[in-house]
All heavy atoms as atom14 arrays in JSON, in Angstrom:
{
  "sequence": "AGNNVLANLQDFRTKGILYDVVLKIEDQMIFAHR",
  "atom14_mask": [
    [1, 1, 1, 1, 1, 0, 0, 0, 0, 0, 0, 0, 0, 0],
    [1, 1, 1, 1, 0, 0, 0, 0, 0, 0, 0, 0, 0, 0],
    [1, 1, 1, 1, 1, 1, 1, 1, 0, 0, 0, 0, 0, 0],
    [1, 1, 1, 1, 1, 1, 1, 1, 0, 0, 0, 0, 0, 0],
    [1, 1, 1, 1, 1, 1, 1, 0, 0, 0, 0, 0, 0, 0],
    [1, 1, 1, 1, 1, 1, 1, 1, 0, 0, 0, 0, 0, 0],
    [1, 1, 1, 1, 1, 0, 0, 0, 0, 0, 0, 0, 0, 0],
    [1, 1, 1, 1, 1, 1, 1, 1, 0, 0, 0, 0, 0, 0],
    [1, 1, 1, 1, 1, 1, 1, 1, 0, 0, 0, 0, 0, 0],
    [1, 1, 1, 1, 1, 1, 1, 1, 1, 0, 0, 0, 0, 0],
    [1, 1, 1, 1, 1, 1, 1, 1, 0, 0, 0, 0, 0, 0],
    [1, 1, 1, 1, 1, 1, 1, 1, 1, 1, 1, 0, 0, 0],
    [1, 1, 1, 1, 1, 1, 1, 1, 1, 1, 1, 0, 0, 0],
    [1, 1, 1, 1, 1, 1, 1, 0, 0, 0, 0, 0, 0, 0],
    [1, 1, 1, 1, 1, 1, 1, 1, 1, 0, 0, 0, 0, 0],
    [1, 1, 1, 1, 0, 0, 0, 0, 0, 0, 0, 0, 0, 0],
    [1, 1, 1, 1, 1, 1, 1, 1, 0, 0, 0, 0, 0, 0],
    [1, 1, 1, 1, 1, 1, 1, 1, 0, 0, 0, 0, 0, 0],
    [1, 1, 1, 1, 1, 1, 1, 1, 1, 1, 1, 1, 0, 0],
    [1, 1, 1, 1, 1, 1, 1, 1, 0, 0, 0, 0, 0, 0],
    [1, 1, 1, 1, 1, 1, 1, 0, 0, 0, 0, 0, 0, 0],
    [1, 1, 1, 1, 1, 1, 1, 0, 0, 0, 0, 0, 0, 0],
    [1, 1, 1, 1, 1, 1, 1, 1, 0, 0, 0, 0, 0, 0],
    [1, 1, 1, 1, 1, 1, 1, 1, 1, 0, 0, 0, 0, 0],
    [1, 1, 1, 1, 1, 1, 1, 1, 0, 0, 0, 0, 0, 0],
    [1, 1, 1, 1, 1, 1, 1, 1, 1, 0, 0, 0, 0, 0],
    [1, 1, 1, 1, 1, 1, 1, 1, 0, 0, 0, 0, 0, 0],
    [1, 1, 1, 1, 1, 1, 1, 1, 1, 0, 0, 0, 0, 0],
    [1, 1, 1, 1, 1, 1, 1, 1, 0, 0, 0, 0, 0, 0],
    [1, 1, 1, 1, 1, 1, 1, 1, 0, 0, 0, 0, 0, 0],
    [1, 1, 1, 1, 1, 1, 1, 1, 1, 1, 1, 0, 0, 0],
    [1, 1, 1, 1, 1, 0, 0, 0, 0, 0, 0, 0, 0, 0],
    [1, 1, 1, 1, 1, 1, 1, 1, 1, 1, 0, 0, 0, 0],
    [1, 1, 1, 1, 1, 1, 1, 1, 1, 1, 1, 0, 0, 0]
  ],
  "atom14_positions": [
    [[-193.92, 105.06, 91.15], [-192.57, 105.57, 90.9], [-191.51, 104.47, 91.0], [-190.64, 104.35, 90.13], [-192.24, 106.71, 91.85], [0.0, 0.0, 0.0], [0.0, 0.0, 0.0], [0.0, 0.0, 0.0], [0.0, 0.0, 0.0], [0.0, 0.0, 0.0], [0.0, 0.0, 0.0], [0.0, 0.0, 0.0], [0.0, 0.0, 0.0], [0.0, 0.0, 0.0]],
    [[-191.57, 103.68, 92.05], [-190.58, 102.61, 92.22], [-190.63, 101.6, 91.1], [-189.59, 101.19, 90.57], [0.0, 0.0, 0.0], [0.0, 0.0, 0.0], [0.0, 0.0, 0.0], [0.0, 0.0, 0.0], [0.0, 0.0, 0.0], [0.0, 0.0, 0.0], [0.0, 0.0, 0.0], [0.0, 0.0, 0.0], [0.0, 0.0, 0.0], [0.0, 0.0, 0.0]],
    [[-191.82, 101.2, 90.72], [-191.97, 100.24, 89.62], [-191.47, 100.84, 88.32], [-190.85, 100.14, 87.51], [-193.43, 99.81, 89.48], [-193.87, 98.92, 90.62], [-193.05, 98.28, 91.27], [-195.16, 98.89, 90.89], [0.0, 0.0, 0.0], [0.0, 0.0, 0.0], [0.0, 0.0, 0.0], [0.0, 0.0, 0.0], [0.0, 0.0, 0.0], [0.0, 0.0, 0.0]],
    [[-191.74, 102.14, 88.1], [-191.28, 102.79, 86.88], [-189.75, 102.85, 86.83], [-189.15, 102.62, 85.78], [-191.87, 104.21, 86.76], [-193.35, 104.18, 86.52], [-193.91, 103.19, 86.07], [-194.01, 105.29, 86.83], [0.0, 0.0, 0.0], [0.0, 0.0, 0.0], [0.0, 0.0, 0.0], [0.0, 0.0, 0.0], [0.0, 0.0, 0.0], [0.0, 0.0, 0.0]],
    [[-189.14, 103.17, 87.95], [-187.68, 103.22, 88.01], [-187.09, 101.85, 87.69], [-186.18, 101.72, 86.87], [-187.18, 103.74, 89.38], [-185.69, 103.53, 89.55], [-187.55, 105.2, 89.56], [0.0, 0.0, 0.0], [0.0, 0.0, 0.0], [0.0, 0.0, 0.0], [0.0, 0.0, 0.0], [0.0, 0.0, 0.0], [0.0, 0.0, 0.0], [0.0, 0.0, 0.0]],
    [[-187.61, 100.82, 88.34], [-187.09, 99.47, 88.08], [-187.32, 99.05, 86.64], [-186.44, 98.44, 86.02], [-187.74, 98.47, 89.03], [-187.15, 98.39, 90.43], [-187.96, 97.47, 91.33], [-185.7, 97.95, 90.37], [0.0, 0.0, 0.0], [0.0, 0.0, 0.0], [0.0, 0.0, 0.0], [0.0, 0.0, 0.0], [0.0, 0.0, 0.0], [0.0, 0.0, 0.0]],
    [[-188.48, 99.35, 86.09], [-188.77, 99.0, 84.7], [-187.79, 99.69, 83.75], [-187.29, 99.07, 82.79], [-190.21, 99.35, 84.35], [0.0, 0.0, 0.0], [0.0, 0.0, 0.0], [0.0, 0.0, 0.0], [0.0, 0.0, 0.0], [0.0, 0.0, 0.0], [0.0, 0.0, 0.0], [0.0, 0.0, 0.0], [0.0, 0.0, 0.0], [0.0, 0.0, 0.0]],
    [[-187.49, 100.95, 84.02], [-186.53, 101.67, 83.18], [-185.11, 101.14, 83.34], [-184.37, 101.0, 82.36], [-186.59, 103.17, 83.45], [-187.79, 103.81, 82.79], [-187.96, 103.68, 81.58], [-188.61, 104.47, 83.57], [0.0, 0.0, 0.0], [0.0, 0.0, 0.0], [0.0, 0.0, 0.0], [0.0, 0.0, 0.0], [0.0, 0.0, 0.0], [0.0, 0.0, 0.0]],
    [[-184.73, 100.82, 84.56], [-183.41, 100.22, 84.78], [-183.31, 98.87, 84.08], [-182.27, 98.54, 83.5], [-183.12, 100.08, 86.28], [-182.78, 101.37, 87.01], [-182.72, 101.12, 88.51], [-181.47, 101.96, 86.5], [0.0, 0.0, 0.0], [0.0, 0.0, 0.0], [0.0, 0.0, 0.0], [0.0, 0.0, 0.0], [0.0, 0.0, 0.0], [0.0, 0.0, 0.0]],
    [[-184.37, 98.08, 84.14], [-184.4, 96.79, 83.45], [-184.26, 97.0, 81.94], [-183.52, 96.28, 81.27], [-185.7, 96.03, 83.79], [-185.94, 94.77, 82.99], [-185.05, 93.6, 83.35], [-183.96, 93.76, 83.89], [-185.5, 92.41, 83.02], [0.0, 0.0, 0.0], [0.0, 0.0, 0.0], [0.0, 0.0, 0.0], [0.0, 0.0, 0.0], [0.0, 0.0, 0.0]],
    [[-184.93, 98.0, 81.41], [-184.84, 98.31, 79.98], [-183.41, 98.71, 79.62], [-182.85, 98.21, 78.63], [-185.83, 99.42, 79.63], [-185.86, 99.7, 78.14], [-186.02, 98.74, 77.35], [-185.73, 100.89, 77.76], [0.0, 0.0, 0.0], [0.0, 0.0, 0.0], [0.0, 0.0, 0.0], [0.0, 0.0, 0.0], [0.0, 0.0, 0.0], [0.0, 0.0, 0.0]],
    [[-182.8, 99.58, 80.42], [-181.41, 99.97, 80.17], [-180.5, 98.75, 80.22], [-179.61, 98.58, 79.38], [-180.92, 100.97, 81.22], [-181.53, 102.34, 81.12], [-181.53, 103.17, 82.23], [-182.11, 102.81, 79.96], [-182.09, 104.44, 82.16], [-182.67, 104.08, 79.88], [-182.65, 104.89, 80.99], [0.0, 0.0, 0.0], [0.0, 0.0, 0.0], [0.0, 0.0, 0.0]],
    [[-180.71, 97.92, 81.21], [-179.87, 96.73, 81.41], [-179.95, 95.79, 80.22], [-178.93, 95.32, 79.71], [-180.34, 96.03, 82.69], [-179.49, 94.91, 83.17], [-180.11, 94.3, 84.42], [-181.17, 93.38, 84.11], [-180.98, 92.16, 83.61], [-179.78, 91.73, 83.37], [-182.0, 91.37, 83.37], [0.0, 0.0, 0.0], [0.0, 0.0, 0.0], [0.0, 0.0, 0.0]],
    [[-181.17, 95.52, 79.77], [-181.33, 94.58, 78.65], [-180.79, 95.16, 77.34], [-180.4, 94.41, 76.45], [-182.8, 94.15, 78.47], [-183.61, 95.3, 78.26], [-183.29, 93.36, 79.67], [0.0, 0.0, 0.0], [0.0, 0.0, 0.0], [0.0, 0.0, 0.0], [0.0, 0.0, 0.0], [0.0, 0.0, 0.0], [0.0, 0.0, 0.0], [0.0, 0.0, 0.0]],
    [[-180.75, 96.49, 77.25], [-180.19, 97.14, 76.06], [-178.68, 97.34, 76.18], [-178.03, 97.78, 75.23], [-180.88, 98.48, 75.82], [-182.31, 98.32, 75.36], [-182.98, 99.66, 75.17], [-184.41, 99.45, 74.68], [-185.16, 100.72, 74.67], [0.0, 0.0, 0.0], [0.0, 0.0, 0.0], [0.0, 0.0, 0.0], [0.0, 0.0, 0.0], [0.0, 0.0, 0.0]],
    [[-178.14, 97.04, 77.35], [-176.7, 97.18, 77.55], [-176.25, 98.62, 77.67], [-175.14, 98.96, 77.25], [0.0, 0.0, 0.0], [0.0, 0.0, 0.0], [0.0, 0.0, 0.0], [0.0, 0.0, 0.0], [0.0, 0.0, 0.0], [0.0, 0.0, 0.0], [0.0, 0.0, 0.0], [0.0, 0.0, 0.0], [0.0, 0.0, 0.0], [0.0, 0.0, 0.0]],
    [[-177.1, 99.48, 78.25], [-176.71, 100.88, 78.45], [-176.88, 101.26, 79.93], [-177.71, 100.71, 80.64], [-177.52, 101.85, 77.56], [-179.03, 101.69, 77.78], [-177.18, 101.64, 76.1], [-179.88, 102.7, 77.03], [0.0, 0.0, 0.0], [0.0, 0.0, 0.0], [0.0, 0.0, 0.0], [0.0, 0.0, 0.0], [0.0, 0.0, 0.0], [0.0, 0.0, 0.0]],
    [[-176.05, 102.17, 80.38], [-176.11, 102.72, 81.74], [-176.03, 101.67, 82.85], [-176.6, 101.83, 83.92], [-177.36, 103.59, 81.92], [-177.46, 104.82, 81.03], [-178.76, 105.56, 81.29], [-176.27, 105.75, 81.24], [0.0, 0.0, 0.0], [0.0, 0.0, 0.0], [0.0, 0.0, 0.0], [0.0, 0.0, 0.0], [0.0, 0.0, 0.0], [0.0, 0.0, 0.0]],
    [[-175.32, 100.6, 82.62], [-175.07, 99.59, 83.65], [-173.72, 99.91, 84.29], [-172.91, 100.64, 83.71], [-175.08, 98.18, 83.06], [-174.06, 97.98, 81.97], [-172.76, 97.59, 82.28], [-174.38, 98.21, 80.64], [-171.8, 97.42, 81.28], [-173.43, 98.05, 79.65], [-172.15, 97.66, 79.97], [-171.2, 97.5, 79.0], [0.0, 0.0, 0.0], [0.0, 0.0, 0.0]],
    [[-173.47, 99.36, 85.48], [-172.17, 99.61, 86.1], [-171.44, 98.35, 86.52], [-170.38, 98.41, 87.12], [-172.3, 100.59, 87.27], [-173.16, 100.07, 88.41], [-173.72, 98.97, 88.28], [-173.27, 100.77, 89.43], [0.0, 0.0, 0.0], [0.0, 0.0, 0.0], [0.0, 0.0, 0.0], [0.0, 0.0, 0.0], [0.0, 0.0, 0.0], [0.0, 0.0, 0.0]],
    [[-172.0, 97.19, 86.17], [-171.32, 95.92, 86.43], [-171.79, 94.88, 85.42], [-172.93, 94.93, 84.95], [-171.57, 95.43, 87.89], [-173.01, 95.03, 88.1], [-170.63, 94.3, 88.26], [0.0, 0.0, 0.0], [0.0, 0.0, 0.0], [0.0, 0.0, 0.0], [0.0, 0.0, 0.0], [0.0, 0.0, 0.0], [0.0, 0.0, 0.0], [0.0, 0.0, 0.0]],
    [[-170.87, 93.99, 85.08], [-171.19, 92.88, 84.19], [-170.85, 91.6, 84.94], [-169.72, 91.42, 85.39], [-170.38, 92.93, 82.87], [-170.71, 91.74, 81.99], [-170.63, 94.22, 82.13], [0.0, 0.0, 0.0], [0.0, 0.0, 0.0], [0.0, 0.0, 0.0], [0.0, 0.0, 0.0], [0.0, 0.0, 0.0], [0.0, 0.0, 0.0], [0.0, 0.0, 0.0]],
    [[-171.84, 90.74, 85.09], [-171.6, 89.43, 85.7], [-171.24, 88.47, 84.58], [-172.03, 88.28, 83.64], [-172.85, 88.94, 86.45], [-173.39, 89.88, 87.52], [-174.64, 89.27, 88.15], [-172.34, 90.17, 88.58], [0.0, 0.0, 0.0], [0.0, 0.0, 0.0], [0.0, 0.0, 0.0], [0.0, 0.0, 0.0], [0.0, 0.0, 0.0], [0.0, 0.0, 0.0]],
    [[-170.07, 87.89, 84.65], [-169.62, 86.93, 83.65], [-169.8, 85.54, 84.24], [-169.13, 85.19, 85.22], [-168.17, 87.19, 83.25], [-167.72, 86.31, 82.12], [-166.31, 86.65, 81.7], [-165.9, 85.72, 80.58], [-164.5, 85.85, 80.24], [0.0, 0.0, 0.0], [0.0, 0.0, 0.0], [0.0, 0.0, 0.0], [0.0, 0.0, 0.0], [0.0, 0.0, 0.0]],
    [[-170.72, 84.78, 83.65], [-171.03, 83.45, 84.15], [-171.03, 82.5, 82.96], [-171.79, 82.71, 82.01], [-172.39, 83.42, 84.86], [-172.43, 84.47, 85.98], [-172.68, 82.03, 85.41], [-173.79, 84.71, 86.56], [0.0, 0.0, 0.0], [0.0, 0.0, 0.0], [0.0, 0.0, 0.0], [0.0, 0.0, 0.0], [0.0, 0.0, 0.0], [0.0, 0.0, 0.0]],
    [[-170.18, 81.49, 83.04], [-169.98, 80.56, 81.92], [-169.65, 81.41, 80.7], [-168.7, 82.16, 80.72], [-171.21, 79.66, 81.73], [-171.47, 78.75, 82.93], [-172.82, 78.04, 82.9], [-173.67, 78.35, 82.04], [-173.01, 77.16, 83.76], [0.0, 0.0, 0.0], [0.0, 0.0, 0.0], [0.0, 0.0, 0.0], [0.0, 0.0, 0.0], [0.0, 0.0, 0.0]],
    [[-170.43, 81.34, 79.65], [-170.14, 82.14, 78.45], [-171.12, 83.31, 78.3], [-171.2, 83.92, 77.25], [-170.18, 81.26, 77.2], [-171.53, 80.6, 76.98], [-172.35, 80.58, 77.92], [-171.76, 80.08, 75.87], [0.0, 0.0, 0.0], [0.0, 0.0, 0.0], [0.0, 0.0, 0.0], [0.0, 0.0, 0.0], [0.0, 0.0, 0.0], [0.0, 0.0, 0.0]],
    [[-171.84, 83.63, 79.37], [-172.83, 84.7, 79.33], [-172.34, 85.95, 80.05], [-171.62, 85.86, 81.04], [-174.14, 84.26, 79.98], [-175.16, 83.78, 79.0], [-176.53, 83.63, 79.69], [-176.63, 83.33, 80.87], [-177.57, 83.84, 78.93], [0.0, 0.0, 0.0], [0.0, 0.0, 0.0], [0.0, 0.0, 0.0], [0.0, 0.0, 0.0], [0.0, 0.0, 0.0]],
    [[-172.78, 87.08, 79.55], [-172.52, 88.36, 80.19], [-173.88, 88.93, 80.61], [-174.77, 89.09, 79.79], [-171.85, 89.33, 79.23], [-170.58, 88.77, 78.59], [-169.24, 88.65, 79.74], [-168.42, 90.18, 79.42], [0.0, 0.0, 0.0], [0.0, 0.0, 0.0], [0.0, 0.0, 0.0], [0.0, 0.0, 0.0], [0.0, 0.0, 0.0], [0.0, 0.0, 0.0]],
    [[-174.03, 89.2, 81.91], [-175.28, 89.75, 82.43], [-175.0, 91.17, 82.92], [-174.25, 91.37, 83.87], [-175.82, 88.87, 83.59], [-176.05, 87.44, 83.12], [-177.09, 89.47, 84.17], [-176.37, 86.46, 84.24], [0.0, 0.0, 0.0], [0.0, 0.0, 0.0], [0.0, 0.0, 0.0], [0.0, 0.0, 0.0], [0.0, 0.0, 0.0], [0.0, 0.0, 0.0]],
    [[-175.61, 92.13, 82.25], [-175.46, 93.53, 82.63], [-176.35, 93.82, 83.83], [-177.47, 93.32, 83.9], [-175.83, 94.45, 81.46], [-175.02, 94.21, 80.22], [-175.58, 93.58, 79.12], [-173.7, 94.61, 80.16], [-174.83, 93.35, 77.98], [-172.94, 94.39, 79.02], [-173.51, 93.76, 77.93], [0.0, 0.0, 0.0], [0.0, 0.0, 0.0], [0.0, 0.0, 0.0]],
    [[-175.87, 94.64, 84.74], [-176.66, 94.95, 85.93], [-176.19, 96.25, 86.57], [-175.25, 96.89, 86.1], [-176.56, 93.8, 86.94], [0.0, 0.0, 0.0], [0.0, 0.0, 0.0], [0.0, 0.0, 0.0], [0.0, 0.0, 0.0], [0.0, 0.0, 0.0], [0.0, 0.0, 0.0], [0.0, 0.0, 0.0], [0.0, 0.0, 0.0], [0.0, 0.0, 0.0]],
    [[-176.86, 96.6, 87.65], [-176.52, 97.77, 88.44], [-176.16, 97.3, 89.85], [-176.93, 96.57, 90.48], [-177.72, 98.73, 88.5], [-178.16, 99.17, 87.15], [-179.11, 98.49, 86.42], [-177.76, 100.21, 86.39], [-179.29, 99.1, 85.26], [-178.49, 100.15, 85.22], [0.0, 0.0, 0.0], [0.0, 0.0, 0.0], [0.0, 0.0, 0.0], [0.0, 0.0, 0.0]],
    [[-175.01, 97.7, 90.31], [-174.54, 97.29, 91.63], [-175.6, 97.54, 92.72], [-175.79, 96.72, 93.6], [-173.27, 98.05, 92.01], [-172.02, 97.54, 91.38], [-170.86, 98.5, 91.76], [-169.56, 97.95, 91.5], [-169.06, 97.67, 90.29], [-169.79, 97.88, 89.23], [-167.85, 97.17, 90.15], [0.0, 0.0, 0.0], [0.0, 0.0, 0.0], [0.0, 0.0, 0.0]]
  ]
}
């Protein structure tokens, strides 16, 4: 269950959906969950 949740959150993050924070570093935007 834990691995599945993380895998799905990673999938959402890489697709740019359902994230709640964006880390702006240099010219990159990294989507993530607080």
